[in-house]
């Protein structure tokens, strides 16, 4: 371990606060370090390994594709890309898909499409995008500018113009912010990095109606909450509405780097040859893995298990809240994206969990975030809650 840690610290940019653990293997809900110690992973690579680590169907699909074709440019057709696009379109609102490599790239593509569509339909005056306070959309300059958190902006100004932030879950503030130059509203149906903030029951429908009324586009960033994380294939399905554009990434590739921007045909027409491109997006190996992810989500009980275990997990966490009212302020979430807001900073809680063999993380300094694989079992949730109970008792 010491050599790996030393080499990494000496040669790689110091952009991450890494834990002194070298992970070497993962299966299902568990990972192991180079000393053979087991950890229960309730972070899932930050909502990437929704089917668990190394799911057999995904590994098999990627391995078989590796033997056939590693890469080809997007000047050519490939079977895996066609297969995954067909699965996504059949099971979503969308008619067209642009494949890329990450959530930031997917959101970048969405912002470009929104501006181009608005330019072609309304002229140069329509270009501004409204996003939400405490949102997170990526680290490129456009997606950083779209992100409504000052801590991510520091040191990188001036940001790109054309972005306005309003409070999440406040329809009056959104209505007031829309003006003649607004072309789109972009939001996460449930905010992840911003503290696992869940909208009120009617909020997203009100946003959808307002966008229709004002003839502006609605973009849903489902990078973290899509691909089954909330108990539905896509989070928008919970609210009885459809966006104009949606972005996916994280869990889409089952652990391989994949992103996608999806849109209806009317909006998608604004992207023509040369409008946007990528070298690695739609890579055959990644697309084969993504198709296997979709097939597993559609054919297994992963989504049902997510709903059942999500309800069970929240009830267990509510029990901790009742037991430690001075420590736990709130429990919120949907499916298996759950936040526990504390009255104290959560960093030390996360460190102690790691010492107990449990991987979680903390956002906004005091919100513990739980993102276990969708295949998690009751016994594993009980173990997580027992670790938290032990730590909270010590606090």
Protein backbone atom coordinates (compact mmCIF):
# COMPACT_ATOMS: atom_id res chain seq x y z
CA UNK A 1 0.00 0.00 0.00
CA UNK A 2 2.73 2.47 0.95
CA UNK A 3 4.33 2.34 -2.51
CA UNK A 4 0.99 2.86 -4.29
CA UNK A 5 0.06 5.76 -2.04
CA UNK A 6 3.51 7.37 -2.33
CA UNK A 7 3.62 7.04 -6.12
CA UNK A 8 0.11 8.45 -6.47
CA UNK A 9 0.80 11.37 -4.15
CA UNK A 10 4.04 12.21 -5.92
CA UNK A 11 2.86 11.94 -9.52
CA UNK A 12 -0.85 12.78 -9.71
CA UNK A 13 -2.39 16.24 -9.30
CA UNK A 14 -3.62 16.74 -5.75
CA UNK A 15 -7.25 17.35 -6.72
CA UNK A 16 -8.69 14.67 -4.41
CA UNK A 17 -8.55 14.12 -0.67
CA UNK A 18 -7.95 10.40 -0.82
CA UNK A 19 -8.41 7.98 2.04
CA UNK A 20 -5.32 5.89 2.87
CA UNK A 21 -6.89 2.77 1.36
CA UNK A 22 -5.86 0.95 -1.82
CA UNK A 23 -8.87 -0.88 -3.23
CA UNK A 24 -8.11 -3.89 -5.40
CA UNK A 25 -11.32 -5.88 -5.85
CA UNK A 26 -15.08 -5.44 -5.81
CA UNK A 27 -18.10 -7.74 -5.99
CA UNK A 28 -21.70 -6.74 -5.43
CA UNK A 29 -22.00 -4.35 -2.48
CA UNK A 30 -18.47 -4.98 -1.21
CA UNK A 31 -14.90 -3.94 -2.05
CA UNK A 32 -11.58 -5.17 -0.67
CA UNK A 33 -8.26 -3.43 -0.08
CA UNK A 34 -4.76 -4.73 -0.80
CA UNK A 35 -4.57 -6.22 2.69
CA UNK A 36 -7.73 -8.23 2.11
CA UNK A 37 -9.97 -6.12 4.35
CA UNK A 38 -13.63 -6.00 3.34
CA UNK A 39 -15.69 -2.80 3.10
CA UNK A 40 -19.43 -2.39 2.61
CA UNK A 41 -19.77 0.19 -0.16
CA UNK A 42 -22.72 2.52 0.37
CA UNK A 43 -21.34 5.08 -2.09
CA UNK A 44 -21.19 2.87 -5.22
CA UNK A 45 -18.41 4.90 -6.83
CA UNK A 46 -20.68 7.97 -6.36
CA UNK A 47 -23.81 6.38 -7.85
CA UNK A 48 -21.91 4.63 -10.65
CA UNK A 49 -22.09 0.96 -9.63
CA UNK A 50 -25.89 0.79 -9.39
CA UNK A 51 -25.86 -2.95 -10.10
CA UNK A 52 -22.99 -3.48 -7.69
CA UNK A 53 -19.31 -3.98 -8.41
CA UNK A 54 -18.45 -6.15 -11.42
CA UNK A 55 -22.02 -7.30 -12.21
CA UNK A 56 -21.64 -10.55 -14.17
CA UNK A 57 -23.88 -9.57 -17.09
CA UNK A 58 -22.05 -6.29 -17.62
CA UNK A 59 -18.59 -7.84 -17.26
CA UNK A 60 -19.50 -10.58 -19.74
CA UNK A 61 -20.80 -8.09 -22.31
CA UNK A 62 -17.71 -5.87 -22.04
CA UNK A 63 -15.35 -8.85 -22.18
CA UNK A 64 -17.00 -10.24 -25.31
CA UNK A 65 -16.88 -6.86 -27.02
CA UNK A 66 -13.21 -6.40 -26.06
CA UNK A 67 -12.40 -9.43 -28.21
CA UNK A 68 -14.16 -7.96 -31.24
CA UNK A 69 -13.59 -4.21 -31.52
CA UNK A 70 -12.07 -1.81 -29.00
CA UNK A 71 -12.68 1.46 -30.82
CA UNK A 72 -13.86 2.93 -34.09
CA UNK A 73 -14.69 6.52 -34.98
CA UNK A 74 -18.23 7.80 -35.13
CA UNK A 75 -17.91 7.96 -38.91
CA UNK A 76 -19.06 4.34 -38.76
CA UNK A 77 -21.97 2.38 -37.30
CA UNK A 78 -21.58 -0.18 -34.51
CA UNK A 79 -23.97 -2.79 -33.14
CA UNK A 80 -23.51 -1.91 -29.41
CA UNK A 81 -24.30 1.76 -30.00
CA UNK A 82 -27.45 0.90 -31.93
CA UNK A 83 -28.51 -1.61 -29.27
CA UNK A 84 -28.15 0.80 -26.35
CA UNK A 85 -29.77 3.71 -28.18
CA UNK A 86 -32.76 1.53 -29.07
CA UNK A 87 -33.19 0.43 -25.44
CA UNK A 88 -32.99 3.99 -24.11
CA UNK A 89 -35.43 5.40 -26.65
CA UNK A 90 -37.97 2.62 -26.17
CA UNK A 91 -38.03 3.20 -22.43
CA UNK A 92 -37.87 7.01 -22.24
CA UNK A 93 -39.51 10.12 -23.70
CA UNK A 94 -36.63 10.66 -26.15
CA UNK A 95 -36.30 10.24 -29.91
CA UNK A 96 -32.57 10.98 -30.30
CA UNK A 97 -29.43 10.35 -28.25
CA UNK A 98 -25.93 11.79 -28.28
CA UNK A 99 -23.39 9.52 -26.58
CA UNK A 100 -20.36 10.93 -24.75
CA UNK A 101 -18.10 9.96 -21.84
CA UNK A 102 -19.31 11.71 -18.69
CA UNK A 103 -22.00 13.72 -17.00
CA UNK A 104 -20.23 17.01 -17.60
CA UNK A 105 -19.97 16.22 -21.32
CA UNK A 106 -23.64 15.25 -21.44
CA UNK A 107 -24.63 18.51 -19.75
CA UNK A 108 -22.31 20.48 -22.03
CA UNK A 109 -24.08 18.93 -25.02
CA UNK A 110 -27.48 19.74 -23.51
CA UNK A 111 -26.56 23.40 -23.00
CA UNK A 112 -25.25 23.68 -26.55
CA UNK A 113 -28.37 22.07 -27.97
CA UNK A 114 -30.65 24.36 -25.96
CA UNK A 115 -28.86 27.46 -27.22
CA UNK A 116 -28.75 26.29 -30.83
CA UNK A 117 -32.40 25.30 -30.86
CA UNK A 118 -33.40 28.63 -29.31
CA UNK A 119 -31.23 30.59 -31.74
CA UNK A 120 -32.79 28.88 -34.72
CA UNK A 121 -36.34 29.28 -33.44
CA UNK A 122 -36.28 32.65 -31.65
CA UNK A 123 -33.10 34.46 -32.73
CA UNK A 124 -30.02 35.73 -30.90
CA UNK A 125 -31.91 37.13 -27.92
CA UNK A 126 -32.62 33.67 -26.45
CA UNK A 127 -29.51 32.23 -24.80
CA UNK A 128 -29.71 32.41 -20.99
CA UNK A 129 -30.19 29.30 -18.84
CA UNK A 130 -31.70 29.29 -15.36
CA UNK A 131 -30.30 26.71 -12.94
CA UNK A 132 -30.78 26.08 -9.24
CA UNK A 133 -28.87 27.12 -6.14
CA UNK A 134 -26.94 24.14 -4.73
CA UNK A 135 -27.04 22.41 -8.12
CA UNK A 136 -24.09 20.53 -9.56
CA UNK A 137 -23.72 20.00 -13.30
CA UNK A 138 -20.00 19.40 -13.89
CA UNK A 139 -16.50 20.85 -14.01
CA UNK A 140 -16.14 22.13 -17.59
CA UNK A 141 -16.47 25.87 -17.91
CA UNK A 142 -20.06 25.76 -19.15
CA UNK A 143 -21.22 23.17 -16.61
CA UNK A 144 -19.24 24.89 -13.85
CA UNK A 145 -20.99 28.13 -14.75
CA UNK A 146 -24.31 26.28 -14.62
CA UNK A 147 -23.50 24.88 -11.17
CA UNK A 148 -25.12 26.96 -8.43
CA UNK A 149 -22.47 26.55 -5.72
CA UNK A 150 -19.85 29.22 -5.08
CA UNK A 151 -17.32 26.77 -3.64
CA UNK A 152 -16.85 25.19 -7.07
CA UNK A 153 -16.43 28.60 -8.74
CA UNK A 154 -13.55 29.89 -6.61
CA UNK A 155 -10.35 30.47 -8.56
CA UNK A 156 -11.91 30.02 -12.01
CA UNK A 157 -13.54 33.38 -12.72
CA UNK A 158 -14.78 34.97 -14.76
CA UNK A 159 -17.37 32.29 -15.43
CA UNK A 160 -19.25 32.05 -18.70
CA UNK A 161 -22.11 34.56 -18.98
CA UNK A 162 -25.69 33.51 -19.52
CA UNK A 163 -26.51 31.64 -16.31
CA UNK A 164 -28.90 32.67 -13.54
CA UNK A 165 -29.48 30.80 -10.26
CA UNK A 166 -32.74 30.56 -8.32
CA UNK A 167 -33.65 28.57 -5.20
CA UNK A 168 -34.63 24.94 -5.78
CA UNK A 169 -38.28 24.11 -5.02
CA UNK A 170 -39.36 27.77 -5.32
CA UNK A 171 -41.67 28.19 -8.31
CA UNK A 172 -42.28 31.88 -7.59
CA UNK A 173 -38.55 32.64 -7.78
CA UNK A 174 -38.26 30.73 -11.04
CA UNK A 175 -41.23 32.52 -12.57
CA UNK A 176 -39.74 35.88 -11.61
CA UNK A 177 -36.33 35.00 -13.11
CA UNK A 178 -37.65 34.13 -16.59
CA UNK A 179 -37.33 36.97 -19.08
CA UNK A 180 -37.01 37.60 -22.80
CA UNK A 181 -33.49 36.15 -23.10
CA UNK A 182 -34.21 32.88 -21.21
CA UNK A 183 -33.91 29.78 -23.38
CA UNK A 184 -34.00 26.93 -20.83
CA UNK A 185 -34.37 25.81 -17.23
CA UNK A 186 -31.87 23.15 -16.13
CA UNK A 187 -32.22 21.20 -12.90
CA UNK A 188 -31.65 17.90 -11.15
CA UNK A 189 -35.01 16.29 -10.24
CA UNK A 190 -33.36 15.48 -6.92
CA UNK A 191 -30.22 17.42 -6.01
CA UNK A 192 -27.36 15.09 -5.10
CA UNK A 193 -24.21 17.09 -4.41
CA UNK A 194 -26.37 19.89 -3.07
CA UNK A 195 -27.52 17.84 -0.08
CA UNK A 196 -30.01 15.26 -1.43
CA UNK A 197 -32.80 17.82 -1.82
CA UNK A 198 -36.14 16.32 -2.86
CA UNK A 199 -38.76 18.54 -4.54
CA UNK A 200 -42.25 19.00 -3.16
CA UNK A 201 -44.89 16.87 -4.86
CA UNK A 202 -46.10 19.48 -7.36
CA UNK A 203 -42.94 21.50 -7.96
CA UNK A 204 -41.58 19.74 -11.06
CA UNK A 205 -45.01 19.74 -12.69
CA UNK A 206 -45.22 23.47 -12.06
CA UNK A 207 -41.79 23.92 -13.63
CA UNK A 208 -42.87 21.85 -16.64
CA UNK A 209 -46.06 23.90 -17.08
CA UNK A 210 -44.16 27.16 -16.73
CA UNK A 211 -41.64 26.14 -19.39
CA UNK A 212 -44.47 25.24 -21.77
CA UNK A 213 -46.16 28.56 -21.06
CA UNK A 214 -42.98 30.58 -21.69
CA UNK A 215 -41.86 28.41 -24.64
CA UNK A 216 -38.52 27.57 -23.05
CA UNK A 217 -36.82 24.20 -22.79
CA UNK A 218 -36.73 22.03 -19.68
CA UNK A 219 -33.48 20.11 -19.13
CA UNK A 220 -33.32 17.38 -16.51
CA UNK A 221 -29.85 16.45 -15.28
CA UNK A 222 -30.34 12.81 -14.27
CA UNK A 223 -26.64 12.01 -14.14
CA UNK A 224 -26.87 10.94 -10.49
CA UNK A 225 -30.54 10.03 -10.12
CA UNK A 226 -31.15 8.25 -13.43
CA UNK A 227 -30.63 4.57 -14.30
CA UNK A 228 -32.73 3.23 -11.46
CA UNK A 229 -31.30 5.15 -8.52
CA UNK A 230 -34.73 6.41 -7.35
CA UNK A 231 -36.58 3.13 -7.94
CA UNK A 232 -37.71 4.06 -11.44
CA UNK A 233 -35.57 3.85 -14.54
CA UNK A 234 -35.56 7.67 -14.68
CA UNK A 235 -36.44 10.04 -11.86
CA UNK A 236 -38.84 12.13 -13.99
CA UNK A 237 -41.18 9.12 -14.10
CA UNK A 238 -42.14 9.73 -10.47
CA UNK A 239 -43.67 13.10 -11.32
CA UNK A 240 -45.85 12.39 -14.35
CA UNK A 241 -43.98 14.78 -16.65
CA UNK A 242 -41.31 14.67 -19.36
CA UNK A 243 -38.37 17.03 -19.99
CA UNK A 244 -37.34 18.31 -23.40
CA UNK A 245 -33.74 17.22 -22.81
CA UNK A 246 -32.27 14.75 -20.32
CA UNK A 247 -28.70 13.87 -19.43
CA UNK A 248 -27.36 10.57 -18.12
CA UNK A 249 -23.95 9.26 -17.08
CA UNK A 250 -22.53 7.60 -13.94
CA UNK A 251 -24.48 4.30 -13.77
CA UNK A 252 -25.10 4.20 -17.53
CA UNK A 253 -21.90 2.25 -18.24
CA UNK A 254 -22.01 0.00 -15.18
CA UNK A 255 -18.58 1.24 -14.11
CA UNK A 256 -17.18 2.21 -17.52
CA UNK A 257 -17.18 5.90 -18.55
CA UNK A 258 -20.43 6.65 -20.39
CA UNK A 259 -22.63 9.68 -20.83
CA UNK A 260 -25.70 10.47 -22.91
CA UNK A 261 -27.80 13.47 -23.86
CA UNK A 262 -31.36 12.61 -24.88
CA UNK A 263 -33.99 14.81 -26.55
CA UNK A 264 -37.26 14.74 -28.41
CA UNK A 265 -37.16 14.93 -32.20
CA UNK A 266 -38.24 18.58 -32.49
CA UNK A 267 -35.36 19.81 -30.35
CA UNK A 268 -32.89 17.24 -31.64
CA UNK A 269 -33.21 18.55 -35.20
CA UNK A 270 -30.99 21.49 -34.23
CA UNK A 271 -27.95 19.20 -34.00
CA UNK A 272 -26.78 18.45 -37.53
CA UNK A 273 -23.45 17.04 -38.85
CA UNK A 274 -20.66 19.21 -37.44
CA UNK A 275 -22.79 20.73 -34.65
CA UNK A 276 -21.22 18.60 -31.92
CA UNK A 277 -18.88 15.62 -31.76
CA UNK A 278 -16.74 13.35 -29.61
CA UNK A 279 -13.87 10.96 -30.24
CA UNK A 280 -14.59 8.34 -27.60
CA UNK A 281 -18.31 8.83 -26.99
CA UNK A 282 -20.25 5.74 -28.02
CA UNK A 283 -17.20 3.48 -27.69
CA UNK A 284 -18.21 -0.12 -28.57
CA UNK A 285 -17.00 -1.66 -25.31
CA UNK A 286 -18.73 0.96 -23.18
CA UNK A 287 -21.93 0.72 -25.23
CA UNK A 288 -21.98 -3.07 -24.84
CA UNK A 289 -21.67 -2.61 -21.08
CA UNK A 290 -24.41 0.04 -21.12
CA UNK A 291 -26.76 -2.23 -23.06
CA UNK A 292 -26.18 -4.94 -20.47
CA UNK A 293 -26.94 -2.45 -17.69
CA UNK A 294 -30.23 -1.49 -19.33
CA UNK A 295 -31.20 -5.12 -19.92
CA UNK A 296 -30.45 -6.01 -16.30
CA UNK A 297 -32.48 -3.08 -14.98
CA UNK A 298 -35.42 -4.00 -17.20
CA UNK A 299 -35.36 -7.76 -16.66
CA UNK A 300 -34.26 -8.21 -13.04
CA UNK A 301 -35.91 -7.07 -9.80
CA UNK A 302 -33.31 -4.32 -9.24
CA UNK A 303 -35.82 -1.48 -9.51
CA UNK A 304 -38.33 -3.16 -7.22
CA UNK A 305 -35.56 -3.98 -4.76
CA UNK A 306 -34.47 -0.34 -4.85
CA UNK A 307 -37.95 0.80 -3.91
CA UNK A 308 -38.34 -1.79 -1.14
CA UNK A 309 -34.88 -1.32 0.32
CA UNK A 310 -35.12 2.45 -0.01
CA UNK A 311 -38.28 2.49 2.12
CA UNK A 312 -36.70 0.09 4.62
CA UNK A 313 -33.46 2.11 4.81
CA UNK A 314 -35.26 5.40 5.37
CA UNK A 315 -37.33 3.88 8.19
CA UNK A 316 -34.17 2.56 9.86
CA UNK A 317 -32.52 5.97 9.54
CA UNK A 318 -35.65 7.64 10.95
CA UNK A 319 -35.17 5.35 13.93
CA UNK A 320 -31.68 6.79 14.42
CA UNK A 321 -33.12 10.30 14.12
CA UNK A 322 -35.60 9.51 16.90
CA UNK A 323 -32.83 8.07 19.04
CA UNK A 324 -30.38 10.96 18.46
CA UNK A 325 -32.58 14.08 17.97
CA UNK A 326 -29.78 16.44 18.94
CA UNK A 327 -27.51 14.95 16.26
CA UNK A 328 -29.81 14.14 13.31
CA UNK A 329 -31.86 16.98 11.85
CA UNK A 330 -33.52 15.38 8.82
CA UNK A 331 -33.78 12.26 6.65
CA UNK A 332 -34.72 12.70 2.99
CA UNK A 333 -34.43 10.92 -0.31
CA UNK A 334 -36.13 8.66 -2.83
CA UNK A 335 -35.27 5.07 -3.60
CA UNK A 336 -31.61 4.56 -2.75
CA UNK A 337 -30.38 8.13 -2.81
CA UNK A 338 -30.79 9.18 0.81
CA UNK A 339 -29.43 12.09 2.81
CA UNK A 340 -29.09 12.39 6.58
CA UNK A 341 -28.67 16.01 7.63
CA UNK A 342 -26.69 16.37 10.84
CA UNK A 343 -26.44 19.19 13.35
CA UNK A 344 -22.64 18.80 13.25
CA UNK A 345 -20.05 18.43 10.50
CA UNK A 346 -20.05 14.96 8.98
CA UNK A 347 -16.43 14.52 7.94
CA UNK A 348 -15.37 12.72 11.11
CA UNK A 349 -18.46 10.50 10.95
CA UNK A 350 -17.42 9.43 7.45
CA UNK A 351 -13.87 8.71 8.67
CA UNK A 352 -15.14 6.60 11.55
CA UNK A 353 -17.45 4.70 9.23
CA UNK A 354 -14.47 3.84 7.05
CA UNK A 355 -12.62 2.53 10.10
CA UNK A 356 -15.64 0.31 10.73
CA UNK A 357 -15.58 -1.00 7.15
CA UNK A 358 -18.42 1.17 5.80
CA UNK A 359 -18.01 3.56 2.85
CA UNK A 360 -20.29 6.62 2.72
CA UNK A 361 -19.64 10.30 2.07
CA UNK A 362 -20.75 13.77 3.12
CA UNK A 363 -21.99 16.73 1.09
CA UNK A 364 -22.42 20.36 2.16
CA UNK A 365 -20.30 19.59 5.25
CA UNK A 366 -23.20 18.10 7.24
CA UNK A 367 -25.32 15.84 5.00
CA UNK A 368 -24.35 12.17 5.03
CA UNK A 369 -25.16 10.72 1.62
CA UNK A 370 -26.04 7.07 1.11
CA UNK A 371 -25.90 5.57 -2.40
CA UNK A 372 -25.78 1.78 -1.96
CA UNK A 373 -26.07 -0.50 -5.00
CA UNK A 374 -29.66 -1.20 -6.02
CA UNK A 375 -29.07 -4.87 -5.19
CA UNK A 376 -28.43 -4.15 -1.50
CA UNK A 377 -30.02 -6.48 1.06
CA UNK A 378 -31.69 -5.82 4.41
CA UNK A 379 -28.80 -7.39 6.32
CA UNK A 380 -26.38 -4.94 4.71
CA UNK A 381 -28.62 -1.98 5.54
CA UNK A 382 -28.84 -3.25 9.11
CA UNK A 383 -25.05 -3.40 9.26
CA UNK A 384 -24.79 0.19 8.02
CA UNK A 385 -27.33 1.41 10.57
CA UNK A 386 -25.56 -0.50 13.36
CA UNK A 387 -22.25 1.19 12.48
CA UNK A 388 -23.92 4.62 12.51
CA UNK A 389 -25.64 3.81 15.82
CA UNK A 390 -22.29 2.88 17.38
CA UNK A 391 -20.63 6.05 16.12
CA UNK A 392 -23.51 8.34 17.10
CA UNK A 393 -23.52 6.85 20.61
CA UNK A 394 -19.87 7.82 20.91
CA UNK A 395 -20.54 11.37 19.69
